PDB file of N, CA and C in Angstrom:
ATOM      1  N   MET A   1       0.671  -1.521  -0.037  1.00  0.00           N
ATOM      2  CA  MET A   1      -0.256   0.076  -0.150  1.00  0.00           C
ATOM      3  C   MET A   1       0.770   1.206   0.081  1.00  0.00           C
ATOM      4  N   VAL A   2       0.239   2.160  -0.308  1.00  0.00           N
ATOM      5  CA  VAL A   2       0.688   3.613  -0.908  1.00  0.00           C
ATOM      6  C   VAL A   2       0.171   4.296   0.673  1.00  0.00           C
ATOM      7  N   ARG A   3       0.812   5.045   1.128  1.00  0.00           N
ATOM      8  CA  ARG A   3       0.694   6.146   1.883  1.00  0.00           C
ATOM      9  C   ARG A   3       0.075   7.715   1.270  1.00  0.00           C
ATOM     10  N   THR A   4      -1.030   8.150   1.662  1.00  0.00           N
ATOM     11  CA  THR A   4      -1.391   9.351   1.004  1.00  0.00           C
ATOM     12  C   THR A   4      -2.177  10.230   1.933  1.00  0.00           C
ATOM     13  N   MET A   5      -2.290  11.207   1.548  1.00  0.00           N
ATOM     14  CA  MET A   5      -2.722  12.546   2.438  1.00  0.00           C
ATOM     15  C   MET A   5      -4.094  13.070   2.187  1.00  0.00           C
ATOM     16  N   ILE A   6      -5.283  13.179   2.651  1.00  0.00           N
ATOM     17  CA  ILE A   6      -6.311  13.655   1.765  1.00  0.00           C
ATOM     18  C   ILE A   6      -6.851  14.571   2.621  1.00  0.00           C
ATOM     19  N   GLN A   7      -7.593  15.213   2.369  1.00  0.00           N
ATOM     20  CA  GLN A   7      -8.408  16.583   2.975  1.00  0.00           C
ATOM     21  C   GLN A   7      -9.897  16.236   3.444  1.00  0.00           C
ATOM     22  N   LEU A   8     -10.457  15.820   4.487  1.00  0.00           N
ATOM     23  CA  LEU A   8     -11.796  15.969   4.766  1.00  0.00           C
ATOM     24  C   LEU A   8     -12.477  16.881   5.313  1.00  0.00           C
ATOM     25  N   THR A   9     -13.583  17.224   5.077  1.00  0.00           N
ATOM     26  CA  THR A   9     -14.084  18.311   6.087  1.00  0.00           C
ATOM     27  C   THR A   9     -14.334  17.712   7.446  1.00  0.00           C
ATOM     28  N   GLU A  10     -14.724  18.457   8.599  1.00  0.00           N
ATOM     29  CA  GLU A  10     -15.081  18.060   9.934  1.00  0.00           C
ATOM     30  C   GLU A  10     -15.868  17.272  10.107  1.00  0.00           C
ATOM     31  N   GLU A  11     -17.379  17.088   9.263  1.00  0.00           N
ATOM     32  CA  GLU A  11     -18.234  16.331   9.467  1.00  0.00           C
ATOM     33  C   GLU A  11     -18.129  15.249   8.763  1.00  0.00           C
ATOM     34  N   GLN A  12     -17.300  15.325   7.574  1.00  0.00           N
ATOM     35  CA  GLN A  12     -16.551  14.042   6.578  1.00  0.00           C
ATOM     36  C   GLN A  12     -16.146  12.969   7.813  1.00  0.00           C
ATOM     37  N   LEU A  13     -15.059  13.822   8.227  1.00  0.00           N
ATOM     38  CA  LEU A  13     -14.366  13.001   9.437  1.00  0.00           C
ATOM     39  C   LEU A  13     -15.178  12.493  10.627  1.00  0.00           C
ATOM     40  N   LYS A  14     -15.938  13.397  11.076  1.00  0.00           N
ATOM     41  CA  LYS A  14     -16.524  12.882  12.309  1.00  0.00           C
ATOM     42  C   LYS A  14     -17.636  11.501  11.818  1.00  0.00           C
ATOM     43  N   ALA A  15     -17.996  11.660  10.592  1.00  0.00           N
ATOM     44  CA  ALA A  15     -18.955  10.628  10.020  1.00  0.00           C
ATOM     45  C   ALA A  15     -18.215   9.220   9.877  1.00  0.00           C
ATOM     46  N   LEU A  16     -17.349   9.394   9.320  1.00  0.00           N
ATOM     47  CA  LEU A  16     -16.316   8.166   8.759  1.00  0.00           C
ATOM     48  C   LEU A  16     -15.740   7.409  10.191  1.00  0.00           C
ATOM     49  N   LYS A  17     -15.312   8.359  11.305  1.00  0.00           N
ATOM     50  CA  LYS A  17     -14.836   7.646  12.417  1.00  0.00           C
ATOM     51  C   LYS A  17     -16.254   6.916  12.891  1.00  0.00           C
ATOM     52  N   ALA A  18     -17.577   7.557  12.971  1.00  0.00           N
ATOM     53  CA  ALA A  18     -18.723   7.002  13.585  1.00  0.00           C
ATOM     54  C   ALA A  18     -18.683   5.731  13.157  1.00  0.00           C
ATOM     55  N   LEU A  19     -18.834   5.816  11.756  1.00  0.00           N
ATOM     56  CA  LEU A  19     -18.990   4.259  10.832  1.00  0.00           C
ATOM     57  C   LEU A  19     -17.983   3.200  11.345  1.00  0.00           C
ATOM     58  N   ALA A  20     -16.785   3.799  11.399  1.00  0.00           N
ATOM     59  CA  ALA A  20     -15.559   2.887  11.588  1.00  0.00           C
ATOM     60  C   ALA A  20     -15.734   2.237  12.939  1.00  0.00           C
ATOM     61  N   LYS A  21     -16.282   3.029  14.128  1.00  0.00           N
ATOM     62  CA  LYS A  21     -16.258   2.215  15.258  1.00  0.00           C
ATOM     63  C   LYS A  21     -17.291   1.504  15.187  1.00  0.00           C
ATOM     64  N   ALA A  22     -18.589   1.843  14.495  1.00  0.00           N
ATOM     65  CA  ALA A  22     -19.683   0.726  14.548  1.00  0.00           C
ATOM     66  C   ALA A  22     -18.958  -0.267  13.763  1.00  0.00           C
ATOM     67  N   ARG A  23     -18.675  -0.340  12.869  1.00  0.00           N
ATOM     68  CA  ARG A  23     -18.133  -1.318  12.058  1.00  0.00           C
ATOM     69  C   ARG A  23     -16.735  -2.310  12.639  1.00  0.00           C
ATOM     70  N   LYS A  24     -16.246  -1.360  13.819  1.00  0.00           N
ATOM     71  CA  LYS A  24     -15.189  -2.086  14.011  1.00  0.00           C
ATOM     72  C   LYS A  24     -13.927  -2.407  13.449  1.00  0.00           C
ATOM     73  N   THR A  25     -13.713  -1.087  12.545  1.00  0.00           N
ATOM     74  CA  THR A  25     -12.661  -1.046  11.257  1.00  0.00           C
ATOM     75  C   THR A  25     -12.086   0.127  11.552  1.00  0.00           C
ATOM     76  N   SER A  26     -10.952   0.612  10.694  1.00  0.00           N
ATOM     77  CA  SER A  26     -10.759   1.893  10.712  1.00  0.00           C
ATOM     78  C   SER A  26     -11.214   2.801   9.548  1.00  0.00           C
ATOM     79  N   VAL A  27     -10.620   4.015   9.884  1.00  0.00           N
ATOM     80  CA  VAL A  27     -11.087   4.722   8.741  1.00  0.00           C
ATOM     81  C   VAL A  27     -10.340   4.708   7.246  1.00  0.00           C
ATOM     82  N   ALA A  28      -9.488   4.303   7.509  1.00  0.00           N
ATOM     83  CA  ALA A  28      -8.472   4.050   6.553  1.00  0.00           C
ATOM     84  C   ALA A  28      -9.143   2.888   5.372  1.00  0.00           C
ATOM     85  N   LYS A  29      -9.536   1.765   6.240  1.00  0.00           N
ATOM     86  CA  LYS A  29     -10.321   0.802   5.679  1.00  0.00           C
ATOM     87  C   LYS A  29     -11.233   1.168   4.744  1.00  0.00           C
ATOM     88  N   LEU A  30     -12.222   2.094   5.571  1.00  0.00           N
ATOM     89  CA  LEU A  30     -13.447   2.525   5.044  1.00  0.00           C
ATOM     90  C   LEU A  30     -13.406   3.616   3.860  1.00  0.00           C
ATOM     91  N   VAL A  31     -12.083   4.360   3.912  1.00  0.00           N
ATOM     92  CA  VAL A  31     -11.787   5.145   2.915  1.00  0.00           C
ATOM     93  C   VAL A  31     -11.255   4.131   1.490  1.00  0.00           C
ATOM     94  N   ARG A  32     -10.316   3.473   1.664  1.00  0.00           N
ATOM     95  CA  ARG A  32     -10.087   2.320   0.847  1.00  0.00           C
ATOM     96  C   ARG A  32     -11.476   1.942  -0.088  1.00  0.00           C
ATOM     97  N   GLU A  33     -12.140   1.222   0.876  1.00  0.00           N
ATOM     98  CA  GLU A  33     -13.447   0.334   0.039  1.00  0.00           C
ATOM     99  C   GLU A  33     -14.276   1.539  -0.680  1.00  0.00           C
ATOM    100  N   SER A  34     -14.620   2.914   0.083  1.00  0.00           N
ATOM    101  CA  SER A  34     -15.048   3.955  -0.924  1.00  0.00           C
ATOM    102  C   SER A  34     -14.144   3.969  -1.964  1.00  0.00           C
ATOM    103  N   VAL A  35     -12.878   4.167  -2.344  1.00  0.00           N
ATOM    104  CA  VAL A  35     -12.358   4.619  -2.993  1.00  0.00           C
ATOM    105  C   VAL A  35     -12.766   3.379  -4.300  1.00  0.00           C
ATOM    106  N   ALA A  36     -12.144   2.034  -3.802  1.00  0.00           N
ATOM    107  CA  ALA A  36     -12.480   1.100  -4.781  1.00  0.00           C
ATOM    108  C   ALA A  36     -13.897   1.105  -5.230  1.00  0.00           C
ATOM    109  N   GLN A  37     -14.979   1.263  -4.596  1.00  0.00           N
ATOM    110  CA  GLN A  37     -16.354   1.562  -5.278  1.00  0.00           C
ATOM    111  C   GLN A  37     -16.456   2.584  -6.115  1.00  0.00           C
ATOM    112  N   TYR A  38     -15.898   3.624  -5.824  1.00  0.00           N
ATOM    113  CA  TYR A  38     -15.941   4.625  -6.515  1.00  0.00           C
ATOM    114  C   TYR A  38     -15.461   4.538  -8.086  1.00  0.00           C
ATOM    115  N   ILE A  39     -14.385   3.680  -7.670  1.00  0.00           N
ATOM    116  CA  ILE A  39     -13.717   3.402  -9.451  1.00  0.00           C
ATOM    117  C   ILE A  39     -14.370   2.373 -10.226  1.00  0.00           C
ATOM    118  N   VAL A  40     -14.986   1.687  -9.617  1.00  0.00           N
ATOM    119  CA  VAL A  40     -15.590   0.610  -9.975  1.00  0.00           C
ATOM    120  C   VAL A  40     -17.480   1.083 -10.630  1.00  0.00           C
ATOM    121  N   THR A  41     -17.815   2.240 -10.069  1.00  0.00           N
ATOM    122  CA  THR A  41     -18.943   2.984 -10.731  1.00  0.00           C
ATOM    123  C   THR A  41     -19.167   4.136 -11.105  1.00  0.00           C
ATOM    124  N   ALA A  42     -17.699   4.802 -11.259  1.00  0.00           N
ATOM    125  CA  ALA A  42     -17.623   5.919 -11.645  1.00  0.00           C
ATOM    126  C   ALA A  42     -17.485   6.114 -13.408  1.00  0.00           C
ATOM    127  N   PRO A  43     -18.226   7.132 -13.713  1.00  0.00           N
ATOM    128  CA  PRO A  43     -18.378   7.347 -15.712  1.00  0.00           C
ATOM    129  C   PRO A  43     -17.100   7.359 -16.140  1.00  0.00           C
ATOM    130  N   ILE A  44     -16.850   6.353 -17.092  1.00  0.00           N
ATOM    131  CA  ILE A  44     -15.317   6.717 -17.443  1.00  0.00           C
ATOM    132  C   ILE A  44     -15.487   7.578 -18.977  1.00  0.00           C
ATOM    133  N   GLU A  45     -14.652   8.336 -18.999  1.00  0.00           N
ATOM    134  CA  GLU A  45     -14.574   9.375 -20.110  1.00  0.00           C
ATOM    135  C   GLU A  45     -14.383   8.604 -21.503  1.00  0.00           C
ATOM    136  N   LEU A  46     -15.021   9.006 -22.319  1.00  0.00           N
ATOM    137  CA  LEU A  46     -15.329   8.129 -23.621  1.00  0.00           C
ATOM    138  C   LEU A  46     -13.762   8.850 -24.354  1.00  0.00           C
ATOM    139  N   THR A  47     -12.884   8.179 -25.107  1.00  0.00           N
ATOM    140  CA  THR A  47     -12.170   8.567 -26.055  1.00  0.00           C
ATOM    141  C   THR A  47     -12.851   9.049 -27.078  1.00  0.00           C
ATOM    142  N   ARG A  48     -12.074  10.071 -27.928  1.00  0.00           N
ATOM    143  CA  ARG A  48     -12.264  10.833 -28.961  1.00  0.00           C
ATOM    144  C   ARG A  48     -13.011   9.672 -30.075  1.00  0.00           C
ATOM    145  N   GLU A  49     -12.025   8.672 -30.448  1.00  0.00           N
ATOM    146  CA  GLU A  49     -12.684   7.705 -31.168  1.00  0.00           C
ATOM    147  C   GLU A  49     -14.194   7.279 -30.880  1.00  0.00           C
ATOM    148  N   GLU A  50     -14.119   6.873 -29.811  1.00  0.00           N
ATOM    149  CA  GLU A  50     -15.491   6.362 -29.265  1.00  0.00           C
ATOM    150  C   GLU A  50     -16.949   7.600 -29.416  1.00  0.00           C
ATOM    151  N   LYS A  51     -16.391   8.799 -29.251  1.00  0.00           N
ATOM    152  CA  LYS A  51     -17.164   9.814 -29.360  1.00  0.00           C
ATOM    153  C   LYS A  51     -17.552  10.081 -30.995  1.00  0.00           C
ATOM    154  N   ARG A  52     -16.676   9.848 -31.452  1.00  0.00           N
ATOM    155  CA  ARG A  52     -16.994   9.778 -32.916  1.00  0.00           C
ATOM    156  C   ARG A  52     -17.820   8.454 -33.589  1.00  0.00           C
ATOM    157  N   GLN A  53     -17.653   7.713 -33.067  1.00  0.00           N
ATOM    158  CA  GLN A  53     -18.420   6.377 -33.452  1.00  0.00           C
ATOM    159  C   GLN A  53     -19.904   6.333 -32.768  1.00  0.00           C
ATOM    160  N   ARG A  54     -20.081   7.170 -31.456  1.00  0.00           N
ATOM    161  CA  ARG A  54     -21.387   7.208 -31.476  1.00  0.00           C
ATOM    162  C   ARG A  54     -22.211   8.363 -31.936  1.00  0.00           C
ATOM    163  N   ALA A  55     -21.355   9.359 -32.733  1.00  0.00           N
ATOM    164  CA  ALA A  55     -22.111  10.270 -33.206  1.00  0.00           C
ATOM    165  C   ALA A  55     -22.289  10.043 -34.375  1.00  0.00           C
ATOM    166  N   LEU A  56     -21.310   9.278 -35.296  1.00  0.00           N
ATOM    167  CA  LEU A  56     -21.686   8.349 -36.452  1.00  0.00           C
ATOM    168  C   LEU A  56     -23.005   7.589 -36.298  1.00  0.00           C
ATOM    169  N   GLU A  57     -23.406   6.927 -35.407  1.00  0.00           N
ATOM    170  CA  GLU A  57     -24.210   6.182 -34.925  1.00  0.00           C
ATOM    171  C   GLU A  57     -25.313   7.077 -34.926  1.00  0.00           C
ATOM    172  N   PHE A  58     -25.341   7.843 -34.340  1.00  0.00           N
ATOM    173  CA  PHE A  58     -26.564   8.747 -34.256  1.00  0.00           C
ATOM    174  C   PHE A  58     -27.243   8.993 -35.462  1.00  0.00           C
ATOM    175  N   VAL A  59     -26.066   9.726 -36.646  1.00  0.00           N
ATOM    176  CA  VAL A  59     -26.386  10.240 -37.709  1.00  0.00           C
ATOM    177  C   VAL A  59     -26.951   9.067 -38.834  1.00  0.00           C
ATOM    178  N   ARG A  60     -26.462   8.045 -38.336  1.00  0.00           N
ATOM    179  CA  ARG A  60     -26.952   6.885 -38.899  1.00  0.00           C
ATOM    180  C   ARG A  60     -28.286   6.700 -38.948  1.00  0.00           C
ATOM    181  N   GLN A  61     -28.799   6.552 -37.673  1.00  0.00           N
ATOM    182  CA  GLN A  61     -30.191   6.393 -37.193  1.00  0.00           C
ATOM    183  C   GLN A  61     -30.916   7.499 -37.829  1.00  0.00           C
ATOM    184  N   ILE A  62     -30.718   8.450 -37.712  1.00  0.00           N
ATOM    185  CA  ILE A  62     -31.421   9.652 -38.299  1.00  0.00           C
ATOM    186  C   ILE A  62     -32.095   9.748 -39.691  1.00  0.00           C
ATOM    187  N   LYS A  63     -30.654   9.200 -40.676  1.00  0.00           N
ATOM    188  CA  LYS A  63     -31.090   8.751 -41.719  1.00  0.00           C
ATOM    189  C   LYS A  63     -31.502   7.649 -42.129  1.00  0.00           C
ATOM    190  N   GLU A  64     -31.788   6.807 -41.220  1.00  0.00           N
ATOM    191  CA  GLU A  64     -32.675   5.693 -41.494  1.00  0.00           C
ATOM    192  C   GLU A  64     -34.112   5.599 -41.026  1.00  0.00           C
ATOM    193  N   GLY A  65     -34.349   7.173 -40.340  1.00  0.00           N
ATOM    194  CA  GLY A  65     -35.732   7.411 -39.871  1.00  0.00           C
ATOM    195  C   GLY A  65     -35.996   6.748 -38.569  1.00  0.00           C
ATOM    196  N   LYS A  66     -34.858   6.323 -37.793  1.00  0.00           N
ATOM    197  CA  LYS A  66     -35.178   5.579 -36.359  1.00  0.00           C
ATOM    198  C   LYS A  66     -35.041   6.964 -35.279  1.00  0.00           C
ATOM    199  N   ILE A  67     -34.942   8.088 -35.852  1.00  0.00           N
ATOM    200  CA  ILE A  67     -34.877   9.080 -34.835  1.00  0.00           C
ATOM    201  C   ILE A  67     -35.577  10.422 -35.702  1.00  0.00           C
ATOM    202  N   GLN A  68     -36.369  10.989 -35.403  1.00  0.00           N
ATOM    203  CA  GLN A  68     -36.628  12.066 -36.047  1.00  0.00           C
ATOM    204  C   GLN A  68     -37.414  13.301 -35.182  1.00  0.00           C
ATOM    205  N   PHE A  69     -36.653  14.512 -35.553  1.00  0.00           N
ATOM    206  CA  PHE A  69     -37.153  15.438 -34.910  1.00  0.00           C
ATOM    207  C   PHE A  69     -38.129  16.387 -35.546  1.00  0.00           C
ATOM    208  N   HIS A  70     -38.864  17.285 -34.695  1.00  0.00           N
ATOM    209  CA  HIS A  70     -40.114  18.069 -34.724  1.00  0.00           C
ATOM    210  C   HIS A  70     -39.744  18.975 -34.063  1.00  0.00           C
ATOM    211  N   ASP A  71     -40.571  20.380 -34.703  1.00  0.00           N
ATOM    212  CA  ASP A  71     -40.956  21.718 -33.787  1.00  0.00           C
ATOM    213  C   ASP A  71     -42.098  21.226 -33.021  1.00  0.00           C
ATOM    214  N   ILE A  72     -42.383  22.574 -32.381  1.00  0.00           N
ATOM    215  CA  ILE A  72     -43.526  22.621 -31.652  1.00  0.00           C
ATOM    216  C   ILE A  72     -45.006  22.296 -32.216  1.00  0.00           C
ATOM    217  N   GLU A  73     -44.671  22.422 -33.638  1.00  0.00           N
ATOM    218  CA  GLU A  73     -46.127  22.232 -34.440  1.00  0.00           C
ATOM    219  C   GLU A  73     -46.330  21.172 -35.420  1.00  0.00           C
ATOM    220  N   GLY A  74     -45.012  20.127 -34.678  1.00  0.00           N
ATOM    221  CA  GLY A  74     -45.059  18.740 -35.233  1.00  0.00           C
ATOM    222  C   GLY A  74     -44.477  18.599 -36.596  1.00  0.00           C
ATOM    223  N   LYS A  75     -43.686  19.890 -36.974  1.00  0.00           N
ATOM    224  CA  LYS A  75     -43.151  19.637 -38.368  1.00  0.00           C
ATOM    225  C   LYS A  75     -41.849  19.345 -38.353  1.00  0.00           C
ATOM    226  N   THR A  76     -41.856  18.178 -39.124  1.00  0.00           N
ATOM    227  CA  THR A  76     -40.092  17.761 -39.144  1.00  0.00           C
ATOM    228  C   THR A  76     -39.421  18.304 -40.246  1.00  0.00           C
ATOM    229  N   ASP A  77     -39.648  19.237 -41.096  1.00  0.00           N
ATOM    230  CA  ASP A  77     -38.907  19.918 -42.458  1.00  0.00           C
ATOM    231  C   ASP A  77     -38.743  20.975 -42.081  1.00  0.00           C
ATOM    232  N   VAL A  78     -38.660  21.745 -40.908  1.00  0.00           N
ATOM    233  CA  VAL A  78     -38.134  23.259 -40.545  1.00  0.00           C
ATOM    234  C   VAL A  78     -36.957  23.812 -41.311  1.00  0.00           C
ATOM    235  N   SER A  79     -35.918  22.813 -41.079  1.00  0.00           N
ATOM    236  CA  SER A  79     -34.590  23.280 -41.333  1.00  0.00           C
ATOM    237  C   SER A  79     -34.792  23.469 -43.281  1.00  0.00           C
ATOM    238  N   VAL A  80     -35.634  22.390 -43.912  1.00  0.00           N
ATOM    239  CA  VAL A  80     -35.288  22.324 -45.200  1.00  0.00           C
ATOM    240  C   VAL A  80     -36.340  23.480 -45.640  1.00  0.00           C
ATOM    241  N   ASN A  81     -37.641  23.738 -45.272  1.00  0.00           N
ATOM    242  CA  ASN A  81     -38.308  24.537 -45.944  1.00  0.00           C
ATOM    243  C   ASN A  81     -38.728  25.698 -44.975  1.00  0.00           C
ATOM    244  N   HIS A  82     -37.636  26.530 -43.988  1.00  0.00           N
ATOM    245  CA  HIS A  82     -37.593  27.447 -43.068  1.00  0.00           C
ATOM    246  C   HIS A  82     -37.909  28.572 -43.896  1.00  0.00           C
ATOM    247  N   ASP A  83     -37.661  29.037 -45.234  1.00  0.00           N
ATOM    248  CA  ASP A  83     -38.023  30.306 -45.947  1.00  0.00           C
ATOM    249  C   ASP A  83     -39.297  30.233 -45.945  1.00  0.00           C
ATOM    250  N   GLU A  84     -39.967  29.023 -46.572  1.00  0.00           N
ATOM    251  CA  GLU A  84     -41.466  28.998 -46.652  1.00  0.00           C
ATOM    252  C   GLU A  84     -41.993  29.496 -45.182  1.00  0.00           C
ATOM    253  N   TYR A  85     -41.786  28.713 -44.324  1.00  0.00           N
ATOM    254  CA  TYR A  85     -42.592  28.534 -42.942  1.00  0.00           C
ATOM    255  C   TYR A  85     -42.426  30.245 -42.710  1.00  0.00           C
ATOM    256  N   PHE A  86     -41.113  31.164 -42.877  1.00  0.00           N
ATOM    257  CA  PHE A  86     -40.817  32.210 -42.244  1.00  0.00           C
ATOM    258  C   PHE A  86     -41.960  33.232 -43.089  1.00  0.00           C
ATOM    259  N   ALA A  87     -41.895  33.193 -44.324  1.00  0.00           N
ATOM    260  CA  ALA A  87     -43.080  34.176 -45.233  1.00  0.00           C
ATOM    261  C   ALA A  87     -44.088  33.849 -44.928  1.00  0.00           C
ATOM    262  N   GLN A  88     -44.689  32.347 -44.702  1.00  0.00           N
ATOM    263  CA  GLN A  88     -46.042  32.289 -44.278  1.00  0.00           C
ATOM    264  C   GLN A  88     -46.164  32.865 -42.969  1.00  0.00           C
ATOM    265  N   ALA A  89     -45.223  32.951 -42.421  1.00  0.00           N
ATOM    266  CA  ALA A  89     -45.388  33.316 -40.555  1.00  0.00           C
ATOM    267  C   ALA A  89     -45.635  35.238 -40.786  1.00  0.00           C
ATOM    268  N   ILE A  90     -44.929  35.678 -41.635  1.00  0.00           N
ATOM    269  CA  ILE A  90     -45.005  36.851 -42.012  1.00  0.00           C
ATOM    270  C   ILE A  90     -46.298  37.830 -42.642  1.00  0.00           C
ATOM    271  N   GLU A  91     -46.438  36.569 -43.775  1.00  0.00           N
ATOM    272  CA  GLU A  91     -47.741  37.136 -44.456  1.00  0.00           C
ATOM    273  C   GLU A  91     -49.193  36.863 -43.495  1.00  0.00           C
ATOM    274  N   ASP A  92     -48.778  35.831 -42.642  1.00  0.00           N
ATOM    275  CA  ASP A  92     -49.711  35.519 -41.381  1.00  0.00           C
ATOM    276  C   ASP A  92     -50.159  37.119 -40.756  1.00  0.00           C
ATOM    277  N   ASP A  93     -48.893  37.530 -40.026  1.00  0.00           N
ATOM    278  CA  ASP A  93     -49.168  38.377 -39.325  1.00  0.00           C
ATOM    279  C   ASP A  93     -49.423  39.477 -39.512  1.00  0.00           C
ATOM    280  N   LEU A  94     -49.201  40.093 -41.446  1.00  0.00           N
ATOM    281  CA  LEU A  94     -49.742  41.435 -41.833  1.00  0.00           C
ATOM    282  C   LEU A  94     -51.412  41.414 -41.973  1.00  0.00           C
ATOM    283  N   ARG A  95     -52.043  39.925 -41.966  1.00  0.00           N
ATOM    284  CA  ARG A  95     -53.369  40.053 -41.995  1.00  0.00           C
ATOM    285  C   ARG A  95     -53.846  40.381 -40.744  1.00  0.00           C
TER     286      ARG A  95
END
């Protein structure tokens, strides 16, 4: 094992000491167990390639129609027909 120094709040240390006493173990052992559990459950940062692959998969699903986006009116072609919708909205406002 390697000795290391950490800083805890007074509340954290007080809670750890109480837990260690209740479990009849050391604060150090509780810290080691906590770190081990954190390492197992912490989210792992994706590599650049993994992020790229996820993005490509997302785009593929959009192209295949598995994922579809729409505006608040339910239209799915706003990015393609933006000018038409904009002109229509201006015309409606002028009436």
